Structure formats: C-alpha cells, structure tokens
C-alpha cells in the first residue's frame, strides 16, 4: 500500500491534467502501481497495452500463464461523475471491487 500512497502524492498536483487525458491516467498512476505489484510494464509477454480483443481494446492486458486480465482505464475521477463511462466499462467486465475513488473490474 506504500506504493499506492506514493503514487497518490505524485499525481495529486496533476489532477486537472489527469481529468482530461486517459492515457496520462495510464502512465502516471496505473503503470507505477502495476510495477509495484511486480508487473514488468515494459515486457509485452506480461503487459500488453491496447491489445485488440473480441469485445474491444482494453488499455492493458496482463498475461500470467494462461490467464488474461483486462484493465480498462478512464480519465481520472470520471467514473463517479460520468455514469455512462462506468456503465460502458461494467458491460465489458465483471465488477470485483469498488470504492468511492476507483473500481476493480
């Protein structure tokens, strides 16, 4: 959880930019958290950005053995404000966990 707190502190001054740019949301908070969890974001055998699937193009596919985990990023804080974004992500995934700040699907 230390990594999440560190990322939170790093992105806090850039909240305005993160609200406008989904790719920056991937780059600034998501990539560092994936790396802290042990995912090599520079190894396409394990982390594949923007991979075309049968149901769309998620922002990341995490590959582990035969498992494929889809990660769909949205602009910073857009899910709580824009219910359509949440519905679109929900339709393509299964909700595993949700808080007021983010959801894991």
PDB file of N, CA and C in Angstrom:
ATOM      1  N   UNK A   1       0.809  -1.202   0.000  1.00  0.00           N
ATOM      2  CA  UNK A   1       0.000   0.000   0.000  1.00  0.00           C
ATOM      3  C   UNK A   1       0.856   1.272   0.000  1.00  0.00           C
ATOM      4  N   UNK A   2       2.109   1.133   0.356  1.00  0.00           N
ATOM      5  CA  UNK A   2       3.011   2.280   0.324  1.00  0.00           C
ATOM      6  C   UNK A   2       3.136   2.837  -1.090  1.00  0.00           C
ATOM      7  N   UNK A   3       3.177   1.930  -2.069  1.00  0.00           N
ATOM      8  CA  UNK A   3       3.289   2.368  -3.470  1.00  0.00           C
ATOM      9  C   UNK A   3       2.070   3.178  -3.884  1.00  0.00           C
ATOM     10  N   UNK A   4       0.906   2.765  -3.450  1.00  0.00           N
ATOM     11  CA  UNK A   4      -0.321   3.496  -3.796  1.00  0.00           C
ATOM     12  C   UNK A   4      -0.296   4.881  -3.171  1.00  0.00           C
ATOM     13  N   UNK A   5       0.145   4.980  -1.951  1.00  0.00           N
ATOM     14  CA  UNK A   5       0.238   6.283  -1.284  1.00  0.00           C
ATOM     15  C   UNK A   5       1.255   7.180  -2.001  1.00  0.00           C
ATOM     16  N   UNK A   6       2.361   6.623  -2.414  1.00  0.00           N
ATOM     17  CA  UNK A   6       3.378   7.395  -3.134  1.00  0.00           C
ATOM     18  C   UNK A   6       2.822   7.900  -4.469  1.00  0.00           C
ATOM     19  N   UNK A   7       2.117   7.041  -5.189  1.00  0.00           N
ATOM     20  CA  UNK A   7       1.516   7.447  -6.463  1.00  0.00           C
ATOM     21  C   UNK A   7       0.481   8.539  -6.225  1.00  0.00           C
ATOM     22  N   UNK A   8      -0.323   8.385  -5.182  1.00  0.00           N
ATOM     23  CA  UNK A   8      -1.331   9.395  -4.860  1.00  0.00           C
ATOM     24  C   UNK A   8      -0.693  10.766  -4.666  1.00  0.00           C
ATOM     25  N   UNK A   9       0.408  10.804  -3.938  1.00  0.00           N
ATOM     26  CA  UNK A   9       1.100  12.073  -3.693  1.00  0.00           C
ATOM     27  C   UNK A   9       1.681  12.650  -4.985  1.00  0.00           C
ATOM     28  N   UNK A  10       2.175  11.779  -5.857  1.00  0.00           N
ATOM     29  CA  UNK A  10       2.775  12.246  -7.104  1.00  0.00           C
ATOM     30  C   UNK A  10       1.735  12.798  -8.077  1.00  0.00           C
ATOM     31  N   UNK A  11       0.560  12.213  -8.113  1.00  0.00           N
ATOM     32  CA  UNK A  11      -0.436  12.647  -9.098  1.00  0.00           C
ATOM     33  C   UNK A  11      -1.320  13.783  -8.606  1.00  0.00           C
ATOM     34  N   UNK A  12      -1.370  13.968  -7.296  1.00  0.00           N
ATOM     35  CA  UNK A  12      -2.252  14.996  -6.729  1.00  0.00           C
ATOM     36  C   UNK A  12      -2.093  16.368  -7.392  1.00  0.00           C
ATOM     37  N   UNK A  13      -0.876  16.867  -7.620  1.00  0.00           N
ATOM     38  CA  UNK A  13      -0.733  18.184  -8.251  1.00  0.00           C
ATOM     39  C   UNK A  13      -1.162  18.210  -9.727  1.00  0.00           C
ATOM     40  N   UNK A  14      -1.378  17.037 -10.316  1.00  0.00           N
ATOM     41  CA  UNK A  14      -1.687  16.950 -11.745  1.00  0.00           C
ATOM     42  C   UNK A  14      -3.129  16.511 -12.007  1.00  0.00           C
ATOM     43  N   UNK A  15      -3.976  16.653 -11.009  1.00  0.00           N
ATOM     44  CA  UNK A  15      -5.348  16.165 -11.136  1.00  0.00           C
ATOM     45  C   UNK A  15      -6.077  16.772 -12.335  1.00  0.00           C
ATOM     46  N   UNK A  16      -5.894  18.038 -12.587  1.00  0.00           N
ATOM     47  CA  UNK A  16      -6.572  18.699 -13.711  1.00  0.00           C
ATOM     48  C   UNK A  16      -6.192  18.039 -15.036  1.00  0.00           C
ATOM     49  N   UNK A  17      -4.917  17.794 -15.251  1.00  0.00           N
ATOM     50  CA  UNK A  17      -4.463  17.150 -16.479  1.00  0.00           C
ATOM     51  C   UNK A  17      -4.966  15.716 -16.584  1.00  0.00           C
ATOM     52  N   UNK A  18      -4.987  15.010 -15.464  1.00  0.00           N
ATOM     53  CA  UNK A  18      -5.452  13.622 -15.451  1.00  0.00           C
ATOM     54  C   UNK A  18      -6.934  13.518 -15.771  1.00  0.00           C
ATOM     55  N   UNK A  19      -7.702  14.538 -15.424  1.00  0.00           N
ATOM     56  CA  UNK A  19      -9.141  14.535 -15.729  1.00  0.00           C
ATOM     57  C   UNK A  19      -9.396  14.693 -17.225  1.00  0.00           C
ATOM     58  N   UNK A  20      -8.416  15.203 -17.953  1.00  0.00           N
ATOM     59  CA  UNK A  20      -8.577  15.468 -19.377  1.00  0.00           C
ATOM     60  C   UNK A  20      -7.980  14.395 -20.277  1.00  0.00           C
ATOM     61  N   UNK A  21      -7.152  13.514 -19.721  1.00  0.00           N
ATOM     62  CA  UNK A  21      -6.337  12.663 -20.564  1.00  0.00           C
ATOM     63  C   UNK A  21      -6.279  11.234 -20.019  1.00  0.00           C
ATOM     64  N   UNK A  22      -6.961  10.318 -20.686  1.00  0.00           N
ATOM     65  CA  UNK A  22      -6.995   8.930 -20.235  1.00  0.00           C
ATOM     66  C   UNK A  22      -5.614   8.277 -20.296  1.00  0.00           C
ATOM     67  N   UNK A  23      -4.838   8.588 -21.329  1.00  0.00           N
ATOM     68  CA  UNK A  23      -3.505   7.994 -21.452  1.00  0.00           C
ATOM     69  C   UNK A  23      -2.593   8.428 -20.308  1.00  0.00           C
ATOM     70  N   UNK A  24      -2.717   9.683 -19.900  1.00  0.00           N
ATOM     71  CA  UNK A  24      -1.940  10.158 -18.759  1.00  0.00           C
ATOM     72  C   UNK A  24      -2.360   9.413 -17.489  1.00  0.00           C
ATOM     73  N   UNK A  25      -3.640   9.056 -17.393  1.00  0.00           N
ATOM     74  CA  UNK A  25      -4.114   8.258 -16.259  1.00  0.00           C
ATOM     75  C   UNK A  25      -3.443   6.892 -16.260  1.00  0.00           C
ATOM     76  N   UNK A  26      -3.220   6.332 -17.431  1.00  0.00           N
ATOM     77  CA  UNK A  26      -2.493   5.056 -17.507  1.00  0.00           C
ATOM     78  C   UNK A  26      -1.044   5.248 -17.082  1.00  0.00           C
ATOM     79  N   UNK A  27      -0.430   6.255 -17.644  1.00  0.00           N
ATOM     80  CA  UNK A  27       1.006   6.488 -17.448  1.00  0.00           C
ATOM     81  C   UNK A  27       1.363   6.866 -16.008  1.00  0.00           C
ATOM     82  N   UNK A  28       0.621   7.810 -15.426  1.00  0.00           N
ATOM     83  CA  UNK A  28       1.016   8.341 -14.114  1.00  0.00           C
ATOM     84  C   UNK A  28       0.619   7.446 -12.940  1.00  0.00           C
ATOM     85  N   UNK A  29      -0.644   7.078 -12.765  1.00  0.00           N
ATOM     86  CA  UNK A  29      -0.945   6.239 -11.604  1.00  0.00           C
ATOM     87  C   UNK A  29      -0.937   4.737 -11.866  1.00  0.00           C
ATOM     88  N   UNK A  30      -1.406   4.280 -13.023  1.00  0.00           N
ATOM     89  CA  UNK A  30      -1.585   2.839 -13.212  1.00  0.00           C
ATOM     90  C   UNK A  30      -0.257   2.120 -13.441  1.00  0.00           C
ATOM     91  N   UNK A  31       0.581   2.616 -14.343  1.00  0.00           N
ATOM     92  CA  UNK A  31       1.870   1.962 -14.595  1.00  0.00           C
ATOM     93  C   UNK A  31       2.705   1.786 -13.329  1.00  0.00           C
ATOM     94  N   UNK A  32       2.880   2.830 -12.503  1.00  0.00           N
ATOM     95  CA  UNK A  32       3.675   2.641 -11.276  1.00  0.00           C
ATOM     96  C   UNK A  32       3.072   1.621 -10.307  1.00  0.00           C
ATOM     97  N   UNK A  33       1.746   1.577 -10.237  1.00  0.00           N
ATOM     98  CA  UNK A  33       1.109   0.593  -9.350  1.00  0.00           C
ATOM     99  C   UNK A  33       1.334  -0.814  -9.885  1.00  0.00           C
ATOM    100  N   UNK A  34       1.196  -0.994 -11.195  1.00  0.00           N
ATOM    101  CA  UNK A  34       1.473  -2.315 -11.778  1.00  0.00           C
ATOM    102  C   UNK A  34       2.911  -2.740 -11.492  1.00  0.00           C
ATOM    103  N   UNK A  35       3.856  -1.819 -11.666  1.00  0.00           N
ATOM    104  CA  UNK A  35       5.262  -2.151 -11.390  1.00  0.00           C
ATOM    105  C   UNK A  35       5.465  -2.504  -9.915  1.00  0.00           C
ATOM    106  N   UNK A  36       4.812  -1.768  -9.017  1.00  0.00           N
ATOM    107  CA  UNK A  36       4.928  -2.060  -7.583  1.00  0.00           C
ATOM    108  C   UNK A  36       4.360  -3.438  -7.248  1.00  0.00           C
ATOM    109  N   UNK A  37       3.391  -3.878  -8.038  1.00  0.00           N
ATOM    110  CA  UNK A  37       2.800  -5.206  -7.832  1.00  0.00           C
ATOM    111  C   UNK A  37       3.603  -6.308  -8.516  1.00  0.00           C
ATOM    112  N   UNK A  38       4.714  -5.925  -9.168  1.00  0.00           N
ATOM    113  CA  UNK A  38       5.593  -6.914  -9.770  1.00  0.00           C
ATOM    114  C   UNK A  38       5.407  -7.124 -11.264  1.00  0.00           C
ATOM    115  N   UNK A  39       4.536  -6.358 -11.904  1.00  0.00           N
ATOM    116  CA  UNK A  39       4.331  -6.477 -13.348  1.00  0.00           C
ATOM    117  C   UNK A  39       5.382  -5.652 -14.078  1.00  0.00           C
ATOM    118  N   UNK A  40       6.043  -6.268 -15.047  1.00  0.00           N
ATOM    119  CA  UNK A  40       7.035  -5.572 -15.865  1.00  0.00           C
ATOM    120  C   UNK A  40       6.287  -4.901 -17.020  1.00  0.00           C
ATOM    121  N   UNK A  41       6.011  -3.621 -16.872  1.00  0.00           N
ATOM    122  CA  UNK A  41       5.205  -2.896 -17.860  1.00  0.00           C
ATOM    123  C   UNK A  41       5.926  -2.707 -19.191  1.00  0.00           C
ATOM    124  N   UNK A  42       7.206  -3.059 -19.235  1.00  0.00           N
ATOM    125  CA  UNK A  42       7.972  -2.945 -20.477  1.00  0.00           C
ATOM    126  C   UNK A  42       8.150  -4.289 -21.175  1.00  0.00           C
ATOM    127  N   UNK A  43       7.564  -5.347 -20.629  1.00  0.00           N
ATOM    128  CA  UNK A  43       7.673  -6.681 -21.212  1.00  0.00           C
ATOM    129  C   UNK A  43       6.338  -7.074 -21.835  1.00  0.00           C
ATOM    130  N   UNK A  44       6.229  -7.061 -23.170  1.00  0.00           N
ATOM    131  CA  UNK A  44       4.959  -7.376 -23.810  1.00  0.00           C
ATOM    132  C   UNK A  44       4.508  -8.834 -23.648  1.00  0.00           C
ATOM    133  N   UNK A  45       5.352  -9.675 -23.079  1.00  0.00           N
ATOM    134  CA  UNK A  45       4.901 -11.023 -22.744  1.00  0.00           C
ATOM    135  C   UNK A  45       4.021 -11.015 -21.498  1.00  0.00           C
ATOM    136  N   UNK A  46       4.109  -9.930 -20.719  1.00  0.00           N
ATOM    137  CA  UNK A  46       3.349  -9.849 -19.470  1.00  0.00           C
ATOM    138  C   UNK A  46       2.339  -8.720 -19.433  1.00  0.00           C
ATOM    139  N   UNK A  47       2.674  -7.589 -20.024  1.00  0.00           N
ATOM    140  CA  UNK A  47       1.770  -6.429 -20.024  1.00  0.00           C
ATOM    141  C   UNK A  47       1.662  -5.930 -21.461  1.00  0.00           C
ATOM    142  N   UNK A  48       0.433  -5.989 -22.000  1.00  0.00           N
ATOM    143  CA  UNK A  48       0.221  -5.584 -23.388  1.00  0.00           C
ATOM    144  C   UNK A  48      -0.754  -4.408 -23.405  1.00  0.00           C
ATOM    145  N   UNK A  49      -0.306  -3.230 -23.814  1.00  0.00           N
ATOM    146  CA  UNK A  49      -1.221  -2.093 -23.893  1.00  0.00           C
ATOM    147  C   UNK A  49      -2.040  -2.126 -25.181  1.00  0.00           C
ATOM    148  N   UNK A  50      -3.301  -1.693 -25.063  1.00  0.00           N
ATOM    149  CA  UNK A  50      -4.174  -1.509 -26.232  1.00  0.00           C
ATOM    150  C   UNK A  50      -4.257  -2.744 -27.133  1.00  0.00           C
ATOM    151  N   UNK A  51      -4.410  -3.911 -26.552  1.00  0.00           N
ATOM    152  CA  UNK A  51      -4.496  -5.155 -27.319  1.00  0.00           C
ATOM    153  C   UNK A  51      -5.931  -5.382 -27.799  1.00  0.00           C
ATOM    154  N   UNK A  52      -6.099  -5.622 -29.081  1.00  0.00           N
ATOM    155  CA  UNK A  52      -7.433  -5.844 -29.639  1.00  0.00           C
ATOM    156  C   UNK A  52      -7.971  -7.201 -29.193  1.00  0.00           C
ATOM    157  N   UNK A  53      -9.175  -7.211 -28.618  1.00  0.00           N
ATOM    158  CA  UNK A  53      -9.837  -8.450 -28.203  1.00  0.00           C
ATOM    159  C   UNK A  53     -11.171  -8.545 -28.928  1.00  0.00           C
ATOM    160  N   UNK A  54     -11.885  -9.630 -28.679  1.00  0.00           N
ATOM    161  CA  UNK A  54     -13.190  -9.833 -29.322  1.00  0.00           C
ATOM    162  C   UNK A  54     -14.247  -8.837 -28.840  1.00  0.00           C
ATOM    163  N   UNK A  55     -14.019  -8.216 -27.694  1.00  0.00           N
ATOM    164  CA  UNK A  55     -15.003  -7.266 -27.162  1.00  0.00           C
ATOM    165  C   UNK A  55     -14.446  -5.850 -27.034  1.00  0.00           C
ATOM    166  N   UNK A  56     -13.389  -5.560 -27.747  1.00  0.00           N
ATOM    167  CA  UNK A  56     -12.858  -4.204 -27.710  1.00  0.00           C
ATOM    168  C   UNK A  56     -11.359  -4.180 -27.485  1.00  0.00           C
ATOM    169  N   UNK A  57     -10.899  -3.010 -27.107  1.00  0.00           N
ATOM    170  CA  UNK A  57      -9.466  -2.787 -26.921  1.00  0.00           C
ATOM    171  C   UNK A  57      -9.233  -2.233 -25.514  1.00  0.00           C
ATOM    172  N   UNK A  58      -8.985  -3.105 -24.533  1.00  0.00           N
ATOM    173  CA  UNK A  58      -8.719  -2.608 -23.181  1.00  0.00           C
ATOM    174  C   UNK A  58      -7.378  -1.867 -23.138  1.00  0.00           C
ATOM    175  N   UNK A  59      -7.220  -1.040 -22.125  1.00  0.00           N
ATOM    176  CA  UNK A  59      -5.985  -0.273 -22.002  1.00  0.00           C
ATOM    177  C   UNK A  59      -4.787  -1.168 -21.712  1.00  0.00           C
ATOM    178  N   UNK A  60      -5.014  -2.258 -21.012  1.00  0.00           N
ATOM    179  CA  UNK A  60      -3.945  -3.219 -20.721  1.00  0.00           C
ATOM    180  C   UNK A  60      -4.520  -4.634 -20.738  1.00  0.00           C
ATOM    181  N   UNK A  61      -3.684  -5.566 -21.124  1.00  0.00           N
ATOM    182  CA  UNK A  61      -3.921  -6.983 -20.866  1.00  0.00           C
ATOM    183  C   UNK A  61      -2.720  -7.442 -20.038  1.00  0.00           C
ATOM    184  N   UNK A  62      -2.993  -8.016 -18.870  1.00  0.00           N
ATOM    185  CA  UNK A  62      -1.928  -8.614 -18.054  1.00  0.00           C
ATOM    186  C   UNK A  62      -1.948 -10.105 -18.329  1.00  0.00           C
ATOM    187  N   UNK A  63      -0.798 -10.665 -18.640  1.00  0.00           N
ATOM    188  CA  UNK A  63      -0.692 -12.077 -19.005  1.00  0.00           C
ATOM    189  C   UNK A  63       0.096 -12.827 -17.939  1.00  0.00           C
ATOM    190  N   UNK A  64      -0.511 -13.878 -17.424  1.00  0.00           N
ATOM    191  CA  UNK A  64       0.161 -14.731 -16.445  1.00  0.00           C
ATOM    192  C   UNK A  64      -0.265 -16.164 -16.735  1.00  0.00           C
ATOM    193  N   UNK A  65       0.683 -16.983 -17.162  1.00  0.00           N
ATOM    194  CA  UNK A  65       0.387 -18.357 -17.581  1.00  0.00           C
ATOM    195  C   UNK A  65      -0.721 -18.289 -18.636  1.00  0.00           C
ATOM    196  N   UNK A  66      -1.831 -18.988 -18.411  1.00  0.00           N
ATOM    197  CA  UNK A  66      -2.940 -18.966 -19.370  1.00  0.00           C
ATOM    198  C   UNK A  66      -3.984 -17.909 -19.039  1.00  0.00           C
ATOM    199  N   UNK A  67      -3.758 -17.137 -17.998  1.00  0.00           N
ATOM    200  CA  UNK A  67      -4.723 -16.106 -17.592  1.00  0.00           C
ATOM    201  C   UNK A  67      -4.498 -14.815 -18.360  1.00  0.00           C
ATOM    202  N   UNK A  68      -5.577 -14.122 -18.674  1.00  0.00           N
ATOM    203  CA  UNK A  68      -5.529 -12.804 -19.302  1.00  0.00           C
ATOM    204  C   UNK A  68      -6.432 -11.885 -18.485  1.00  0.00           C
ATOM    205  N   UNK A  69      -5.845 -10.830 -17.943  1.00  0.00           N
ATOM    206  CA  UNK A  69      -6.588  -9.880 -17.116  1.00  0.00           C
ATOM    207  C   UNK A  69      -6.684  -8.570 -17.873  1.00  0.00           C
ATOM    208  N   UNK A  70      -7.905  -8.096 -18.083  1.00  0.00           N
ATOM    209  CA  UNK A  70      -8.133  -6.845 -18.805  1.00  0.00           C
ATOM    210  C   UNK A  70      -8.178  -5.684 -17.819  1.00  0.00           C
ATOM    211  N   UNK A  71      -7.522  -4.597 -18.178  1.00  0.00           N
ATOM    212  CA  UNK A  71      -7.611  -3.366 -17.389  1.00  0.00           C
ATOM    213  C   UNK A  71      -8.099  -2.267 -18.309  1.00  0.00           C
ATOM    214  N   UNK A  72      -9.179  -1.642 -17.912  1.00  0.00           N
ATOM    215  CA  UNK A  72      -9.745  -0.526 -18.665  1.00  0.00           C
ATOM    216  C   UNK A  72      -9.594   0.726 -17.820  1.00  0.00           C
ATOM    217  N   UNK A  73      -8.858   1.689 -18.309  1.00  0.00           N
ATOM    218  CA  UNK A  73      -8.650   2.953 -17.602  1.00  0.00           C
ATOM    219  C   UNK A  73      -9.647   3.992 -18.109  1.00  0.00           C
ATOM    220  N   UNK A  74      -9.999   4.899 -17.251  1.00  0.00           N
ATOM    221  CA  UNK A  74     -10.837   6.037 -17.618  1.00  0.00           C
ATOM    222  C   UNK A  74     -10.164   7.294 -17.101  1.00  0.00           C
ATOM    223  N   UNK A  75     -10.545   8.426 -17.648  1.00  0.00           N
ATOM    224  CA  UNK A  75      -9.985   9.686 -17.169  1.00  0.00           C
ATOM    225  C   UNK A  75     -10.153   9.757 -15.664  1.00  0.00           C
ATOM    226  N   UNK A  76      -9.195  10.369 -15.002  1.00  0.00           N
ATOM    227  CA  UNK A  76      -9.166  10.481 -13.547  1.00  0.00           C
ATOM    228  C   UNK A  76     -10.473  11.063 -13.018  1.00  0.00           C
ATOM    229  N   UNK A  77     -11.075  10.370 -12.092  1.00  0.00           N
ATOM    230  CA  UNK A  77     -12.315  10.754 -11.422  1.00  0.00           C
ATOM    231  C   UNK A  77     -13.526  10.853 -12.347  1.00  0.00           C
ATOM    232  N   UNK A  78     -13.470  10.310 -13.545  1.00  0.00           N
ATOM    233  CA  UNK A  78     -14.604  10.417 -14.468  1.00  0.00           C
ATOM    234  C   UNK A  78     -15.699   9.414 -14.162  1.00  0.00           C
ATOM    235  N   UNK A  79     -15.374   8.308 -13.530  1.00  0.00           N
ATOM    236  CA  UNK A  79     -16.391   7.285 -13.291  1.00  0.00           C
ATOM    237  C   UNK A  79     -17.461   7.772 -12.327  1.00  0.00           C
ATOM    238  N   UNK A  80     -17.084   8.442 -11.269  1.00  0.00           N
ATOM    239  CA  UNK A  80     -18.073   8.941 -10.328  1.00  0.00           C
ATOM    240  C   UNK A  80     -18.923  10.058 -10.902  1.00  0.00           C
ATOM    241  N   UNK A  81     -18.374  10.786 -11.852  1.00  0.00           N
ATOM    242  CA  UNK A  81     -19.069  11.921 -12.454  1.00  0.00           C
ATOM    243  C   UNK A  81     -19.876  11.488 -13.668  1.00  0.00           C
ATOM    244  N   UNK A  82     -19.310  10.618 -14.455  1.00  0.00           N
ATOM    245  CA  UNK A  82     -19.918  10.220 -15.711  1.00  0.00           C
ATOM    246  C   UNK A  82     -20.363   8.764 -15.628  1.00  0.00           C
ATOM    247  N   UNK A  83     -21.634   8.546 -15.335  1.00  0.00           N
ATOM    248  CA  UNK A  83     -22.146   7.188 -15.171  1.00  0.00           C
ATOM    249  C   UNK A  83     -22.068   6.379 -16.458  1.00  0.00           C
ATOM    250  N   UNK A  84     -22.122   7.043 -17.617  1.00  0.00           N
ATOM    251  CA  UNK A  84     -22.010   6.318 -18.883  1.00  0.00           C
ATOM    252  C   UNK A  84     -20.664   5.628 -19.004  1.00  0.00           C
ATOM    253  N   UNK A  85     -19.583   6.277 -18.546  1.00  0.00           N
ATOM    254  CA  UNK A  85     -18.255   5.665 -18.575  1.00  0.00           C
ATOM    255  C   UNK A  85     -18.239   4.409 -17.710  1.00  0.00           C
ATOM    256  N   UNK A  86     -18.840   4.499 -16.532  1.00  0.00           N
ATOM    257  CA  UNK A  86     -18.880   3.346 -15.638  1.00  0.00           C
ATOM    258  C   UNK A  86     -19.687   2.215 -16.273  1.00  0.00           C
ATOM    259  N   UNK A  87     -20.832   2.541 -16.850  1.00  0.00           N
ATOM    260  CA  UNK A  87     -21.677   1.519 -17.477  1.00  0.00           C
ATOM    261  C   UNK A  87     -20.952   0.844 -18.635  1.00  0.00           C
ATOM    262  N   UNK A  88     -20.254   1.629 -19.444  1.00  0.00           N
ATOM    263  CA  UNK A  88     -19.517   1.073 -20.584  1.00  0.00           C
ATOM    264  C   UNK A  88     -18.430   0.111 -20.086  1.00  0.00           C
ATOM    265  N   UNK A  89     -17.699   0.504 -19.060  1.00  0.00           N
ATOM    266  CA  UNK A  89     -16.660  -0.370 -18.506  1.00  0.00           C
ATOM    267  C   UNK A  89     -17.292  -1.607 -17.869  1.00  0.00           C
ATOM    268  N   UNK A  90     -18.411  -1.425 -17.185  1.00  0.00           N
ATOM    269  CA  UNK A  90     -19.075  -2.538 -16.490  1.00  0.00           C
ATOM    270  C   UNK A  90     -19.590  -3.579 -17.475  1.00  0.00           C
ATOM    271  N   UNK A  91     -20.133  -3.137 -18.587  1.00  0.00           N
ATOM    272  CA  UNK A  91     -20.669  -4.059 -19.586  1.00  0.00           C
ATOM    273  C   UNK A  91     -19.571  -4.970 -20.111  1.00  0.00           C
ATOM    274  N   UNK A  92     -18.353  -4.454 -20.225  1.00  0.00           N
ATOM    275  CA  UNK A  92     -17.238  -5.225 -20.765  1.00  0.00           C
ATOM    276  C   UNK A  92     -16.497  -6.025 -19.705  1.00  0.00           C
ATOM    277  N   UNK A  93     -16.871  -5.906 -18.448  1.00  0.00           N
ATOM    278  CA  UNK A  93     -16.091  -6.557 -17.392  1.00  0.00           C
ATOM    279  C   UNK A  93     -17.000  -7.013 -16.259  1.00  0.00           C
ATOM    280  N   UNK A  94     -16.395  -7.621 -15.282  1.00  0.00           N
ATOM    281  CA  UNK A  94     -17.092  -8.044 -14.073  1.00  0.00           C
ATOM    282  C   UNK A  94     -16.550  -7.215 -12.928  1.00  0.00           C
ATOM    283  N   UNK A  95     -17.444  -6.590 -12.164  1.00  0.00           N
ATOM    284  CA  UNK A  95     -17.016  -5.758 -11.043  1.00  0.00           C
ATOM    285  C   UNK A  95     -16.519  -6.650  -9.914  1.00  0.00           C
ATOM    286  N   UNK A  96     -15.254  -6.450  -9.524  1.00  0.00           N
ATOM    287  CA  UNK A  96     -14.677  -7.217  -8.426  1.00  0.00           C
ATOM    288  C   UNK A  96     -14.676  -6.439  -7.126  1.00  0.00           C
ATOM    289  N   UNK A  97     -14.466  -5.117  -7.218  1.00  0.00           N
ATOM    290  CA  UNK A  97     -14.395  -4.293  -6.017  1.00  0.00           C
ATOM    291  C   UNK A  97     -14.599  -2.841  -6.404  1.00  0.00           C
ATOM    292  N   UNK A  98     -15.252  -2.086  -5.549  1.00  0.00           N
ATOM    293  CA  UNK A  98     -15.482  -0.675  -5.850  1.00  0.00           C
ATOM    294  C   UNK A  98     -15.434   0.136  -4.560  1.00  0.00           C
ATOM    295  N   UNK A  99     -14.841   1.308  -4.646  1.00  0.00           N
ATOM    296  CA  UNK A  99     -14.879   2.275  -3.557  1.00  0.00           C
ATOM    297  C   UNK A  99     -15.335   3.589  -4.160  1.00  0.00           C
ATOM    298  N   UNK A 100     -15.318   4.645  -3.370  1.00  0.00           N
ATOM    299  CA  UNK A 100     -15.703   5.952  -3.897  1.00  0.00           C
ATOM    300  C   UNK A 100     -14.679   6.486  -4.891  1.00  0.00           C
ATOM    301  N   UNK A 101     -13.434   6.000  -4.831  1.00  0.00           N
ATOM    302  CA  UNK A 101     -12.372   6.552  -5.671  1.00  0.00           C
ATOM    303  C   UNK A 101     -12.078   5.731  -6.913  1.00  0.00           C
ATOM    304  N   UNK A 102     -12.211   4.392  -6.850  1.00  0.00           N
ATOM    305  CA  UNK A 102     -11.944   3.595  -8.044  1.00  0.00           C
ATOM    306  C   UNK A 102     -12.633   2.251  -7.937  1.00  0.00           C
ATOM    307  N   UNK A 103     -12.666   1.561  -9.059  1.00  0.00           N
ATOM    308  CA  UNK A 103     -13.283   0.239  -9.119  1.00  0.00           C
ATOM    309  C   UNK A 103     -12.303  -0.726  -9.763  1.00  0.00           C
ATOM    310  N   UNK A 104     -12.373  -1.965  -9.323  1.00  0.00           N
ATOM    311  CA  UNK A 104     -11.593  -3.023  -9.953  1.00  0.00           C
ATOM    312  C   UNK A 104     -12.595  -3.959 -10.602  1.00  0.00           C
ATOM    313  N   UNK A 105     -12.463  -4.091 -11.912  1.00  0.00           N
ATOM    314  CA  UNK A 105     -13.409  -4.912 -12.670  1.00  0.00           C
ATOM    315  C   UNK A 105     -12.665  -6.008 -13.384  1.00  0.00           C
TER     316      UNK A 105
END
